[in-house]
Amino acid sequence: LDQVKTEFGDRPRIYNEFLEIMKNFKAQEIDTPGVIKRVSNLFRGYNKLILGFNTFLPDGYKIELKDIEGQLNPGFSGPGAQ
């Protein structure tokens, strides 16, 4: 969370949207593939932050660099991944 706050401290809309996504994920209003897609889109162009988001993902899910490089909609590895 500190990395996100540092990166987007001058853009509170992005930081607050990230907090809202996390709140909804914790409340199970968003499933894991949904949270991956939302965070990847929100942090597009900030690969280090996207990869750092793996910390919050449950076992069996992982965003990898190959999933986000050159893609508009990053993918992920995990149950149900295509």
C-alpha atoms as a PDB file:
ATOM      1  CA  LEU A   1       0.000   0.000   0.000  1.00  0.00           C
ATOM      2  CA  ASP A   2       2.858   2.372   0.741  1.00  0.00           C
ATOM      3  CA  GLN A   3       4.226   1.945  -2.793  1.00  0.00           C
ATOM      4  CA  VAL A   4       0.828   2.837  -4.246  1.00  0.00           C
ATOM      5  CA  LYS A   5       0.503   5.873  -1.987  1.00  0.00           C
ATOM      6  CA  THR A   6       4.021   7.030  -2.878  1.00  0.00           C
ATOM      7  CA  GLU A   7       3.458   6.589  -6.613  1.00  0.00           C
ATOM      8  CA  PHE A   8       0.033   8.209  -6.725  1.00  0.00           C
ATOM      9  CA  GLY A   9       0.265  10.641  -3.812  1.00  0.00           C
ATOM     10  CA  ASP A  10      -0.229  13.533  -6.221  1.00  0.00           C
ATOM     11  CA  ARG A  11      -3.198  11.741  -7.858  1.00  0.00           C
ATOM     12  CA  PRO A  12      -5.547  10.902  -4.990  1.00  0.00           C
ATOM     13  CA  ARG A  13      -8.284   9.695  -7.354  1.00  0.00           C
ATOM     14  CA  ILE A  14      -6.166   6.695  -8.393  1.00  0.00           C
ATOM     15  CA  TYR A  15      -5.101   5.909  -4.835  1.00  0.00           C
ATOM     16  CA  ASN A  16      -8.673   6.181  -3.546  1.00  0.00           C
ATOM     17  CA  GLU A  17      -9.963   4.008  -6.374  1.00  0.00           C
ATOM     18  CA  PHE A  18      -7.381   1.378  -5.459  1.00  0.00           C
ATOM     19  CA  LEU A  19      -8.552   1.479  -1.831  1.00  0.00           C
ATOM     20  CA  GLU A  20     -12.157   1.086  -2.970  1.00  0.00           C
ATOM     21  CA  ILE A  21     -11.229  -1.915  -5.168  1.00  0.00           C
ATOM     22  CA  MET A  22      -9.422  -3.519  -2.227  1.00  0.00           C
ATOM     23  CA  LYS A  23     -12.364  -2.878   0.097  1.00  0.00           C
ATOM     24  CA  ASN A  24     -14.743  -4.526  -2.377  1.00  0.00           C
ATOM     25  CA  PHE A  25     -12.362  -7.457  -2.858  1.00  0.00           C
ATOM     26  CA  LYS A  26     -12.063  -8.003   0.886  1.00  0.00           C
ATOM     27  CA  ALA A  27     -15.853  -7.888   1.189  1.00  0.00           C
ATOM     28  CA  GLN A  28     -15.978 -10.511  -1.605  1.00  0.00           C
ATOM     29  CA  GLU A  29     -17.969  -8.181  -3.854  1.00  0.00           C
ATOM     30  CA  ILE A  30     -15.278  -8.690  -6.526  1.00  0.00           C
ATOM     31  CA  ASP A  31     -13.807 -12.103  -7.334  1.00  0.00           C
ATOM     32  CA  THR A  32     -10.078 -12.673  -7.804  1.00  0.00           C
ATOM     33  CA  PRO A  33     -10.047 -12.459 -11.637  1.00  0.00           C
ATOM     34  CA  GLY A  34     -12.133  -9.275 -11.371  1.00  0.00           C
ATOM     35  CA  VAL A  35      -9.776  -7.614  -8.900  1.00  0.00           C
ATOM     36  CA  ILE A  36      -6.779  -8.556 -11.043  1.00  0.00           C
ATOM     37  CA  LYS A  37      -8.388  -6.960 -14.098  1.00  0.00           C
ATOM     38  CA  ARG A  38      -9.378  -3.782 -12.252  1.00  0.00           C
ATOM     39  CA  VAL A  39      -6.024  -3.262 -10.581  1.00  0.00           C
ATOM     40  CA  SER A  40      -4.132  -4.058 -13.794  1.00  0.00           C
ATOM     41  CA  ASN A  41      -6.189  -1.477 -15.678  1.00  0.00           C
ATOM     42  CA  LEU A  42      -5.860   1.116 -12.912  1.00  0.00           C
ATOM     43  CA  PHE A  43      -2.079   0.672 -12.735  1.00  0.00           C
ATOM     44  CA  ARG A  44      -1.520   0.278 -16.490  1.00  0.00           C
ATOM     45  CA  GLY A  45       2.042   1.317 -17.286  1.00  0.00           C
ATOM     46  CA  TYR A  46       3.196   0.711 -13.694  1.00  0.00           C
ATOM     47  CA  ASN A  47       4.338  -2.907 -14.003  1.00  0.00           C
ATOM     48  CA  LYS A  48       6.165  -2.863 -10.672  1.00  0.00           C
ATOM     49  CA  LEU A  49       2.926  -1.995  -8.864  1.00  0.00           C
ATOM     50  CA  ILE A  50       0.925  -4.568 -10.821  1.00  0.00           C
ATOM     51  CA  LEU A  51       3.448  -7.288 -10.001  1.00  0.00           C
ATOM     52  CA  GLY A  52       3.542  -6.118  -6.381  1.00  0.00           C
ATOM     53  CA  PHE A  53      -0.192  -6.729  -6.222  1.00  0.00           C
ATOM     54  CA  ASN A  54       0.582 -10.466  -6.132  1.00  0.00           C
ATOM     55  CA  THR A  55       1.050  -9.951  -2.383  1.00  0.00           C
ATOM     56  CA  PHE A  56      -2.716  -9.539  -2.026  1.00  0.00           C
ATOM     57  CA  LEU A  57      -3.741 -12.501  -4.193  1.00  0.00           C
ATOM     58  CA  PRO A  58      -4.814 -15.849  -2.755  1.00  0.00           C
ATOM     59  CA  ASP A  59      -2.782 -19.004  -3.329  1.00  0.00           C
ATOM     60  CA  GLY A  60      -3.020 -20.237  -6.885  1.00  0.00           C
ATOM     61  CA  TYR A  61      -3.166 -16.776  -8.475  1.00  0.00           C
ATOM     62  CA  LYS A  62      -0.212 -14.808  -9.783  1.00  0.00           C
ATOM     63  CA  ILE A  63       0.214 -11.955 -12.223  1.00  0.00           C
ATOM     64  CA  GLU A  64       3.385 -12.418 -14.256  1.00  0.00           C
ATOM     65  CA  LEU A  65       5.346  -9.928 -16.345  1.00  0.00           C
ATOM     66  CA  LYS A  66       4.580 -11.856 -19.519  1.00  0.00           C
ATOM     67  CA  ASP A  67       0.876 -11.359 -18.755  1.00  0.00           C
ATOM     68  CA  ILE A  68       1.110  -7.572 -18.677  1.00  0.00           C
ATOM     69  CA  GLU A  69       3.751  -6.687 -21.259  1.00  0.00           C
ATOM     70  CA  GLY A  70       2.185  -5.378 -24.444  1.00  0.00           C
ATOM     71  CA  GLN A  71      -1.380  -6.283 -23.526  1.00  0.00           C
ATOM     72  CA  LEU A  72      -4.324  -3.963 -23.060  1.00  0.00           C
ATOM     73  CA  ASN A  73      -6.065  -6.385 -20.728  1.00  0.00           C
ATOM     74  CA  PRO A  74      -3.465  -8.218 -18.641  1.00  0.00           C
ATOM     75  CA  GLY A  75      -4.044 -11.855 -17.903  1.00  0.00           C
ATOM     76  CA  PHE A  76      -3.056 -13.929 -14.939  1.00  0.00           C
ATOM     77  CA  SER A  77      -2.134 -17.393 -13.886  1.00  0.00           C
ATOM     78  CA  GLY A  78      -4.552 -19.226 -11.666  1.00  0.00           C
ATOM     79  CA  PRO A  79      -7.668 -21.355 -11.546  1.00  0.00           C
ATOM     80  CA  GLY A  80      -9.793 -20.685 -14.588  1.00  0.00           C
ATOM     81  CA  ALA A  81      -7.029 -18.778 -16.424  1.00  0.00           C
ATOM     82  CA  GLN A  82      -7.095 -19.234 -20.179  1.00  0.00           C
END
